[in-house]
Structures are given as structure tokens and as C-alpha cells.
C-alpha atoms as a PDB file:
ATOM      1  CA  MET A   1     121.722 134.007 107.417  1.00  0.00           C
ATOM      2  CA  GLU A   2     120.565 130.892 105.507  1.00  0.00           C
ATOM      3  CA  MET A   3     117.423 129.093 106.542  1.00  0.00           C
ATOM      4  CA  LYS A   4     119.490 126.008 107.277  1.00  0.00           C
ATOM      5  CA  GLU A   5     121.397 127.973 109.925  1.00  0.00           C
ATOM      6  CA  VAL A   6     118.176 129.345 111.282  1.00  0.00           C
ATOM      7  CA  LEU A   7     116.884 125.790 111.829  1.00  0.00           C
ATOM      8  CA  MET A   8     120.096 124.815 113.518  1.00  0.00           C
ATOM      9  CA  TYR A   9     119.819 127.871 115.844  1.00  0.00           C
ATOM     10  CA  PHE A  10     116.249 127.062 116.923  1.00  0.00           C
ATOM     11  CA  SER A  11     117.142 123.340 117.286  1.00  0.00           C
ATOM     12  CA  PHE A  12     119.807 124.328 119.848  1.00  0.00           C
ATOM     13  CA  LYS A  13     117.524 126.952 121.510  1.00  0.00           C
ATOM     14  CA  TYR A  14     114.615 124.572 121.909  1.00  0.00           C
ATOM     15  CA  SER A  15     116.571 121.304 122.446  1.00  0.00           C
ATOM     16  CA  GLY A  16     115.403 119.809 119.129  1.00  0.00           C
ATOM     17  CA  ASP A  17     111.667 120.022 120.130  1.00  0.00           C
ATOM     18  CA  PHE A  18     109.770 119.866 116.796  1.00  0.00           C
ATOM     19  CA  ASP A  19     106.704 121.817 117.974  1.00  0.00           C
ATOM     20  CA  MET A  20     108.712 124.581 119.610  1.00  0.00           C
ATOM     21  CA  ILE A  21     110.938 125.039 116.600  1.00  0.00           C
ATOM     22  CA  CYS A  22     107.872 125.281 114.319  1.00  0.00           C
ATOM     23  CA  LYS A  23     106.260 127.754 116.575  1.00  0.00           C
ATOM     24  CA  ALA A  24     109.341 129.989 116.642  1.00  0.00           C
ATOM     25  CA  ILE A  25     109.494 129.974 112.850  1.00  0.00           C
ATOM     26  CA  ALA A  26     105.743 130.619 112.451  1.00  0.00           C
ATOM     27  CA  ASN A  27     106.039 133.551 114.923  1.00  0.00           C
ATOM     28  CA  LYS A  28     109.048 134.904 112.983  1.00  0.00           C
ATOM     29  CA  GLU A  29     111.073 134.880 116.160  1.00  0.00           C
ATOM     30  CA  LYS A  30     114.286 136.792 115.754  1.00  0.00           C
ATOM     31  CA  VAL A  31     117.705 135.162 115.815  1.00  0.00           C
ATOM     32  CA  ASP A  32     120.098 136.416 118.456  1.00  0.00           C
ATOM     33  CA  VAL A  33     123.250 136.760 116.397  1.00  0.00           C
ATOM     34  CA  GLU A  34     125.593 136.513 119.290  1.00  0.00           C
ATOM     35  CA  VAL A  35     123.889 133.370 120.660  1.00  0.00           C
ATOM     36  CA  PHE A  36     123.927 131.927 117.131  1.00  0.00           C
ATOM     37  CA  LYS A  37     127.700 132.448 116.979  1.00  0.00           C
ATOM     38  CA  MET A  38     128.073 130.627 120.270  1.00  0.00           C
ATOM     39  CA  TYR A  39     125.958 127.729 119.068  1.00  0.00           C
ATOM     40  CA  LYS A  40     127.916 127.506 115.854  1.00  0.00           C
ATOM     41  CA  GLN A  41     131.216 127.661 117.721  1.00  0.00           C
ATOM     42  CA  ASN A  42     130.134 124.788 119.941  1.00  0.00           C
ATOM     43  CA  LEU A  43     128.731 122.706 117.111  1.00  0.00           C
ATOM     44  CA  LYS A  44     130.880 119.516 116.992  1.00  0.00           C
ATOM     45  CA  ASP A  45     128.939 117.503 114.441  1.00  0.00           C
ATOM     46  CA  ASP A  46     127.764 117.421 110.829  1.00  0.00           C
ATOM     47  CA  TYR A  47     124.091 118.200 110.458  1.00  0.00           C
ATOM     48  CA  LEU A  48     121.320 118.081 107.861  1.00  0.00           C
ATOM     49  CA  THR A  49     118.115 120.015 107.773  1.00  0.00           C
ATOM     50  CA  LEU A  50     114.763 119.208 106.129  1.00  0.00           C
ATOM     51  CA  LEU A  51     115.725 121.689 103.424  1.00  0.00           C
ATOM     52  CA  ASP A  52     118.863 119.863 102.357  1.00  0.00           C
ATOM     53  CA  ASP A  53     118.948 117.823  99.192  1.00  0.00           C
ATOM     54  CA  ASP A  54     120.632 114.844 100.891  1.00  0.00           C
ATOM     55  CA  TYR A  55     118.116 114.861 103.840  1.00  0.00           C
ATOM     56  CA  PRO A  56     116.656 111.228 103.949  1.00  0.00           C
ATOM     57  CA  ILE A  57     113.498 111.281 101.900  1.00  0.00           C
ATOM     58  CA  SER A  58     111.955 108.512 104.034  1.00  0.00           C
ATOM     59  CA  PHE A  59     111.824 110.857 107.071  1.00  0.00           C
ATOM     60  CA  LYS A  60     109.553 113.143 105.137  1.00  0.00           C
ATOM     61  CA  SER A  61     106.823 110.538 105.332  1.00  0.00           C
ATOM     62  CA  LEU A  62     106.617 111.179 109.088  1.00  0.00           C
ATOM     63  CA  SER A  63     103.922 113.454 110.455  1.00  0.00           C
ATOM     64  CA  LYS A  64     106.658 115.412 112.316  1.00  0.00           C
ATOM     65  CA  PRO A  65     109.921 114.852 110.466  1.00  0.00           C
ATOM     66  CA  PRO A  66     113.115 115.973 112.255  1.00  0.00           C
ATOM     67  CA  LEU A  67     113.860 119.552 111.190  1.00  0.00           C
ATOM     68  CA  VAL A  68     117.526 119.009 111.980  1.00  0.00           C
ATOM     69  CA  LEU A  69     119.582 115.776 112.068  1.00  0.00           C
ATOM     70  CA  PHE A  70     122.928 115.680 113.827  1.00  0.00           C
ATOM     71  CA  LEU A  71     125.370 113.123 112.431  1.00  0.00           C
ATOM     72  CA  ARG A  72     128.520 111.402 113.793  1.00  0.00           C
ATOM     73  CA  GLY A  73     130.340 108.964 111.570  1.00  0.00           C
ATOM     74  CA  ASN A  74     130.008 108.078 107.899  1.00  0.00           C
ATOM     75  CA  LYS A  75     127.062 110.095 106.690  1.00  0.00           C
ATOM     76  CA  LYS A  76     127.356 108.423 103.267  1.00  0.00           C
ATOM     77  CA  LEU A  77     125.497 105.440 104.795  1.00  0.00           C
ATOM     78  CA  LEU A  78     122.340 107.434 104.599  1.00  0.00           C
ATOM     79  CA  LYS A  79     122.441 106.964 100.820  1.00  0.00           C
ATOM     80  CA  ASP A  80     122.571 103.158 101.053  1.00  0.00           C
ATOM     81  CA  ASN A  81     119.637 101.807  99.074  1.00  0.00           C
ATOM     82  CA  TYR A  82     118.763  98.729 101.181  1.00  0.00           C
ATOM     83  CA  LYS A  83     118.406  99.115 104.949  1.00  0.00           C
ATOM     84  CA  ILE A  84     116.807  96.666 107.364  1.00  0.00           C
ATOM     85  CA  ALA A  85     115.951  97.548 110.974  1.00  0.00           C
ATOM     86  CA  ILE A  86     116.561  94.829 113.600  1.00  0.00           C
ATOM     87  CA  ILE A  87     114.825  95.329 116.936  1.00  0.00           C
ATOM     88  CA  GLY A  88     113.892  93.381 120.038  1.00  0.00           C
ATOM     89  CA  SER A  89     113.824  93.144 123.786  1.00  0.00           C
ATOM     90  CA  ARG A  90     116.417  94.900 125.978  1.00  0.00           C
ATOM     91  CA  LYS A  91     116.315  91.724 128.111  1.00  0.00           C
ATOM     92  CA  ASN A  92     117.092  89.326 125.378  1.00  0.00           C
ATOM     93  CA  THR A  93     117.219  85.567 125.700  1.00  0.00           C
ATOM     94  CA  SER A  94     120.097  83.362 124.518  1.00  0.00           C
ATOM     95  CA  TYR A  95     117.792  82.199 121.742  1.00  0.00           C
ATOM     96  CA  GLY A  96     117.261  85.764 120.604  1.00  0.00           C
ATOM     97  CA  GLU A  97     120.963  86.418 120.556  1.00  0.00           C
ATOM     98  CA  LYS A  98     121.639  83.283 118.557  1.00  0.00           C
ATOM     99  CA  VAL A  99     118.934  84.154 115.991  1.00  0.00           C
ATOM    100  CA  THR A 100     120.140  87.781 115.702  1.00  0.00           C
ATOM    101  CA  LYS A 101     123.677  86.666 114.965  1.00  0.00           C
ATOM    102  CA  ALA A 102     122.493  84.289 112.209  1.00  0.00           C
ATOM    103  CA  ILE A 103     120.292  86.902 110.604  1.00  0.00           C
ATOM    104  CA  ILE A 104     122.854  89.644 110.728  1.00  0.00           C
ATOM    105  CA  LYS A 105     125.505  87.492 109.023  1.00  0.00           C
ATOM    106  CA  GLU A 106     123.093  86.654 106.183  1.00  0.00           C
ATOM    107  CA  LEU A 107     122.093  90.316 105.759  1.00  0.00           C
ATOM    108  CA  VAL A 108     125.652  91.608 105.820  1.00  0.00           C
ATOM    109  CA  ASP A 109     126.687  88.997 103.315  1.00  0.00           C
ATOM    110  CA  ASN A 110     124.071  90.440 101.016  1.00  0.00           C
ATOM    111  CA  LYS A 111     125.260  94.080 101.455  1.00  0.00           C
ATOM    112  CA  VAL A 112     122.328  95.144 103.619  1.00  0.00           C
ATOM    113  CA  THR A 113     122.820  98.071 106.014  1.00  0.00           C
ATOM    114  CA  ILE A 114     121.600  97.385 109.488  1.00  0.00           C
ATOM    115  CA  VAL A 115     119.567  99.995 111.410  1.00  0.00           C
ATOM    116  CA  SER A 116     118.751  99.864 115.102  1.00  0.00           C
ATOM    117  CA  GLY A 117     118.473 101.914 118.288  1.00  0.00           C
ATOM    118  CA  LEU A 118     121.723 101.202 120.232  1.00  0.00           C
ATOM    119  CA  ALA A 119     119.775 100.067 123.275  1.00  0.00           C
ATOM    120  CA  LYS A 120     120.691  97.167 125.493  1.00  0.00           C
ATOM    121  CA  GLY A 121     119.823  93.685 124.277  1.00  0.00           C
ATOM    122  CA  ILE A 122     118.909  92.923 120.646  1.00  0.00           C
ATOM    123  CA  ASP A 123     119.749  96.445 119.445  1.00  0.00           C
ATOM    124  CA  GLY A 124     123.277  96.330 120.772  1.00  0.00           C
ATOM    125  CA  ILE A 125     123.814  92.760 119.550  1.00  0.00           C
ATOM    126  CA  SER A 126     122.595  93.793 116.059  1.00  0.00           C
ATOM    127  CA  HIS A 127     125.152  96.633 115.801  1.00  0.00           C
ATOM    128  CA  GLN A 128     128.001  94.661 117.272  1.00  0.00           C
ATOM    129  CA  GLU A 129     127.492  91.636 115.009  1.00  0.00           C
ATOM    130  CA  THR A 130     127.245  93.861 111.987  1.00  0.00           C
ATOM    131  CA  LEU A 131     130.638  95.381 112.860  1.00  0.00           C
ATOM    132  CA  ASN A 132     132.062  91.929 113.686  1.00  0.00           C
ATOM    133  CA  ASN A 133     131.096  90.861 110.150  1.00  0.00           C
ATOM    134  CA  HIS A 134     132.519  94.046 108.610  1.00  0.00           C
ATOM    135  CA  GLY A 135     129.104  95.321 107.634  1.00  0.00           C
ATOM    136  CA  ARG A 136     127.475  98.794 107.615  1.00  0.00           C
ATOM    137  CA  THR A 137     125.311  99.956 110.506  1.00  0.00           C
ATOM    138  CA  ILE A 138     123.295 103.066 111.456  1.00  0.00           C
ATOM    139  CA  ALA A 139     122.365 103.737 115.065  1.00  0.00           C
ATOM    140  CA  ILE A 140     119.606 106.209 115.895  1.00  0.00           C
ATOM    141  CA  ILE A 141     119.547 107.467 119.478  1.00  0.00           C
ATOM    142  CA  GLY A 142     117.028 109.282 121.688  1.00  0.00           C
ATOM    143  CA  SER A 143     119.397 111.842 123.176  1.00  0.00           C
ATOM    144  CA  GLY A 144     122.141 114.288 122.267  1.00  0.00           C
ATOM    145  CA  PHE A 145     125.574 112.779 121.535  1.00  0.00           C
ATOM    146  CA  GLU A 146     127.159 113.938 124.740  1.00  0.00           C
ATOM    147  CA  GLN A 147     124.280 112.444 126.768  1.00  0.00           C
ATOM    148  CA  PHE A 148     124.253 109.005 125.188  1.00  0.00           C
ATOM    149  CA  TYR A 149     122.195 106.349 127.014  1.00  0.00           C
ATOM    150  CA  PRO A 150     122.651 103.572 128.012  1.00  0.00           C
ATOM    151  CA  ARG A 151     126.224 104.094 129.193  1.00  0.00           C
ATOM    152  CA  ASP A 152     126.737 100.327 129.154  1.00  0.00           C
ATOM    153  CA  ASN A 153     126.917 100.509 125.401  1.00  0.00           C
ATOM    154  CA  ASN A 154     129.407 103.400 125.327  1.00  0.00           C
ATOM    155  CA  VAL A 155     132.286 101.337 123.872  1.00  0.00           C
ATOM    156  CA  LEU A 156     129.991 100.070 121.082  1.00  0.00           C
ATOM    157  CA  TYR A 157     128.702 103.671 120.540  1.00  0.00           C
ATOM    158  CA  GLN A 158     132.241 104.933 120.033  1.00  0.00           C
ATOM    159  CA  LYS A 159     133.016 102.116 117.655  1.00  0.00           C
ATOM    160  CA  ILE A 160     129.936 102.876 115.516  1.00  0.00           C
ATOM    161  CA  ILE A 161     131.013 106.510 115.281  1.00  0.00           C
ATOM    162  CA  LYS A 162     134.334 105.278 113.823  1.00  0.00           C
ATOM    163  CA  GLU A 163     132.987 102.555 111.556  1.00  0.00           C
ATOM    164  CA  GLY A 164     129.330 103.339 110.978  1.00  0.00           C
ATOM    165  CA  LEU A 165     126.927 106.244 111.594  1.00  0.00           C
ATOM    166  CA  VAL A 166     125.067 107.590 114.623  1.00  0.00           C
ATOM    167  CA  ILE A 167     122.068 109.866 114.127  1.00  0.00           C
ATOM    168  CA  SER A 168     120.187 112.096 116.568  1.00  0.00           C
ATOM    169  CA  GLU A 169     117.610 114.876 116.111  1.00  0.00           C
ATOM    170  CA  TYR A 170     118.788 116.449 119.379  1.00  0.00           C
ATOM    171  CA  PRO A 171     121.715 118.778 120.105  1.00  0.00           C
ATOM    172  CA  TYR A 172     124.625 117.206 121.954  1.00  0.00           C
ATOM    173  CA  PHE A 173     123.538 118.341 125.512  1.00  0.00           C
ATOM    174  CA  VAL A 174     119.944 116.929 125.430  1.00  0.00           C
ATOM    175  CA  LYS A 175     119.264 114.067 127.824  1.00  0.00           C
ATOM    176  CA  ALA A 176     117.262 110.905 126.954  1.00  0.00           C
ATOM    177  CA  SER A 177     113.617 110.606 127.889  1.00  0.00           C
ATOM    178  CA  LYS A 178     110.637 108.381 127.122  1.00  0.00           C
ATOM    179  CA  ASP A 179     109.145 110.751 124.537  1.00  0.00           C
ATOM    180  CA  LYS A 180     112.535 111.020 122.751  1.00  0.00           C
ATOM    181  CA  PHE A 181     112.792 107.241 122.555  1.00  0.00           C
ATOM    182  CA  LEU A 182     109.354 107.076 120.957  1.00  0.00           C
ATOM    183  CA  ARG A 183     110.517 109.673 118.419  1.00  0.00           C
ATOM    184  CA  ARG A 184     113.677 107.583 117.909  1.00  0.00           C
ATOM    185  CA  ASN A 185     111.491 104.493 117.192  1.00  0.00           C
ATOM    186  CA  GLY A 186     109.690 106.368 114.451  1.00  0.00           C
ATOM    187  CA  LEU A 187     112.987 107.304 112.783  1.00  0.00           C
ATOM    188  CA  ILE A 188     114.080 103.671 112.900  1.00  0.00           C
ATOM    189  CA  ALA A 189     110.831 102.481 111.309  1.00  0.00           C
ATOM    190  CA  SER A 190     110.999 105.201 108.696  1.00  0.00           C
ATOM    191  CA  LEU A 191     114.624 104.834 107.624  1.00  0.00           C
ATOM    192  CA  ALA A 192     114.521 101.088 107.070  1.00  0.00           C
ATOM    193  CA  ASN A 193     112.953  99.298 104.045  1.00  0.00           C
ATOM    194  CA  LYS A 194     111.808  96.412 106.361  1.00  0.00           C
ATOM    195  CA  LEU A 195     111.537  95.878 110.072  1.00  0.00           C
ATOM    196  CA  VAL A 196     112.681  92.555 111.679  1.00  0.00           C
ATOM    197  CA  VAL A 197     111.464  91.756 115.193  1.00  0.00           C
ATOM    198  CA  ILE A 198     113.580  89.183 117.033  1.00  0.00           C
ATOM    199  CA  GLU A 199     111.649  89.031 120.311  1.00  0.00           C
ATOM    200  CA  GLY A 200     109.617  91.421 122.434  1.00  0.00           C
ATOM    201  CA  TYR A 201     106.779  91.766 124.877  1.00  0.00           C
ATOM    202  CA  LYS A 202     103.551  93.804 125.285  1.00  0.00           C
ATOM    203  CA  ARG A 203     103.833  97.477 126.257  1.00  0.00           C
ATOM    204  CA  SER A 204     107.419  97.683 125.042  1.00  0.00           C
ATOM    205  CA  GLY A 205     109.438  99.979 122.776  1.00  0.00           C
ATOM    206  CA  THR A 206     109.632  97.075 120.331  1.00  0.00           C
ATOM    207  CA  LEU A 207     105.870  97.016 119.871  1.00  0.00           C
ATOM    208  CA  ASN A 208     105.793 100.813 119.583  1.00  0.00           C
ATOM    209  CA  THR A 209     108.321 100.677 116.739  1.00  0.00           C
ATOM    210  CA  VAL A 210     106.201  98.022 115.045  1.00  0.00           C
ATOM    211  CA  CYS A 211     103.115 100.136 115.263  1.00  0.00           C
ATOM    212  CA  GLN A 212     104.923 103.122 113.727  1.00  0.00           C
ATOM    213  CA  ALA A 213     106.309 100.943 110.958  1.00  0.00           C
ATOM    214  CA  LEU A 214     102.811  99.646 110.152  1.00  0.00           C
ATOM    215  CA  GLU A 215     101.530 103.192 109.917  1.00  0.00           C
ATOM    216  CA  LEU A 216     104.257 103.873 107.394  1.00  0.00           C
ATOM    217  CA  GLY A 217     103.331 100.805 105.396  1.00  0.00           C
ATOM    218  CA  LYS A 218     106.540  98.914 106.074  1.00  0.00           C
ATOM    219  CA  GLU A 219     106.869  95.115 105.896  1.00  0.00           C
ATOM    220  CA  ILE A 220     107.177  93.426 109.268  1.00  0.00           C
ATOM    221  CA  TYR A 221     109.144  90.201 109.785  1.00  0.00           C
ATOM    222  CA  CYS A 222     108.980  88.311 113.003  1.00  0.00           C
ATOM    223  CA  VAL A 223     110.968  85.444 114.545  1.00  0.00           C
ATOM    224  CA  PRO A 224     108.568  82.908 116.157  1.00  0.00           C
ATOM    225  CA  ASN A 225     108.974  82.005 119.818  1.00  0.00           C
ATOM    226  CA  VAL A 226     107.714  79.158 121.996  1.00  0.00           C
ATOM    227  CA  ILE A 227     103.952  79.053 122.465  1.00  0.00           C
ATOM    228  CA  PHE A 228     104.022  79.328 126.250  1.00  0.00           C
ATOM    229  CA  LYS A 229     105.602  82.792 126.274  1.00  0.00           C
ATOM    230  CA  ASP A 230     103.808  86.204 126.024  1.00  0.00           C
ATOM    231  CA  SER A 231     105.458  86.735 122.654  1.00  0.00           C
ATOM    232  CA  VAL A 232     104.806  89.859 120.585  1.00  0.00           C
ATOM    233  CA  CYS A 233     106.289  88.014 117.648  1.00  0.00           C
ATOM    234  CA  ASN A 234     103.848  85.179 117.787  1.00  0.00           C
ATOM    235  CA  ASN A 235     100.913  87.552 118.069  1.00  0.00           C
ATOM    236  CA  LEU A 236     102.159  89.618 115.138  1.00  0.00           C
ATOM    237  CA  ILE A 237     102.596  86.527 113.015  1.00  0.00           C
ATOM    238  CA  LYS A 238      99.052  85.508 113.864  1.00  0.00           C
ATOM    239  CA  ASP A 239      97.931  88.949 112.757  1.00  0.00           C
ATOM    240  CA  GLY A 240      99.685  88.657 109.372  1.00  0.00           C
ATOM    241  CA  ALA A 241     103.378  89.599 109.823  1.00  0.00           C
ATOM    242  CA  ASN A 242     105.908  87.621 107.771  1.00  0.00           C
ATOM    243  CA  ILE A 243     107.354  84.647 109.643  1.00  0.00           C
ATOM    244  CA  VAL A 244     111.106  84.162 109.701  1.00  0.00           C
ATOM    245  CA  THR A 245     112.112  80.505 109.670  1.00  0.00           C
ATOM    246  CA  LYS A 246     115.507  81.107 108.118  1.00  0.00           C
ATOM    247  CA  PRO A 247     117.553  84.246 107.575  1.00  0.00           C
ATOM    248  CA  SER A 248     116.991  84.258 103.869  1.00  0.00           C
ATOM    249  CA  ASP A 249     113.232  84.693 104.400  1.00  0.00           C
ATOM    250  CA  ILE A 250     113.905  88.386 105.010  1.00  0.00           C
ATOM    251  CA  LEU A 251     115.612  88.850 101.623  1.00  0.00           C
ATOM    252  CA  GLU A 252     113.155  86.916  99.457  1.00  0.00           C
END
């Protein structure tokens, strides 16, 4: 049995948990052949392991890179050279939506691949506008494919599978949870060349993604907001993030 298949086996057995998979390998845990056959028979998706040549090299910069990636859609998008992550609040404003649409059009016109997390709000708008403009988009989710969350975005999720790419480090049956979303945020930050923050607030997933991107040395771009709001973007700009006053700022 190839090591790639061993990783897939333990990913299923331990629900994609990085630490548990590593522990099983370190302890030379035996593979149950019959259970392996069952996992392989139920496998519905393409997958890559850390050992594969086409595994995204950017993920290897993470302290705990996914050992297995499950893929639905056009996996060739992983090879796109220029990817930009667009993130923001789940409870977006009309201003945030308007700005996102303008930025997405500019980026798609310049052949940029859009990365986001398929959450409500800015994430969903980013993916939808990319598809509306016939662009390329990659969604990274914090659950298995059959437990996709939020269900409100299910139609968009199915559309991305057909026209873009959805990535998860979890087998299809694994449910979403807070820790998995934090892992998802790290993958978004890692895969993209730059991170664009449309709007967000303190103690949010948006700010967590920014922190992980900064640890990876990624450039942060922020859309300014009105001064009377508790704006993560305004605070990040004050701390040195790049300010976005027009869509082309991100490309310069």
C-alpha cells in the first residue's frame, strides 16, 4: 500500500485531525485492509496528500499543513499563479457589497483567481461575483463536502463545484466546528498571494485570517470605513496595512 493511501486511510479514520493522523503514523499503527477498502469504495472525491508533487507548496509553510486535501471541481485552479483572497464580515453592509463587486470585476478582468471561505456575507458575494464575471474561484470550507455549512449558500456551493474548485481537509462526513473554521482561515491566508479585507469587526473570523496571513508574511489590503464604526479595516490601515481607495490599488 502506498503512503498516499495510508494518509487517506488515517484521514478518514481520524476525521482529518492533523495531530491524530501524525500520532498514528508515528506509532506505526496498522492499516485495517478491509476498512481501507470500505473507505476507498466510499471515496467520492479527488484528493492530494502532502507527498504529491502537485500539492500546493504554499500550504507547506503552515506549522500544521493538511496531510490530505479533498477536492471537488477543477483542481487545475490550484496551479494558477496569482490568487487573491477576499474576506469580510458575514453581516456585510450595502457599502461592503458594492465595494466587493467593484474589486472583483477589476481582479477578474486581470485574470486573478479569487479565494475565499464560502461563508455568508462578503465570502459568498466574492465567489458569486467572480462567477458572474466568468472568473476563476476557489472556496475553502471548514467541513466535509457532505456536511457543507452554511446551507444558505448551498446553491452557490454547487455552482462553484461545477465552475470552480472547492477544497476541504476533512472527509465528506465531518461536520463544521469553530476549530475547523480557524484551520480553514489559515488555508485561505496561505493559498493566496495577497489578502483583501472588505470590512470586519473585532473578535471575528476576519481578524483571525488577517493574523494568520501576517504570520505568513502576506500583504494585507484593507478597504477604509467611516470613522465612527468599530472597523477592523481602519485599525489595520493605521497599523500599516495597504489602503484600498480604488480596485487597481490591489494590483499595483
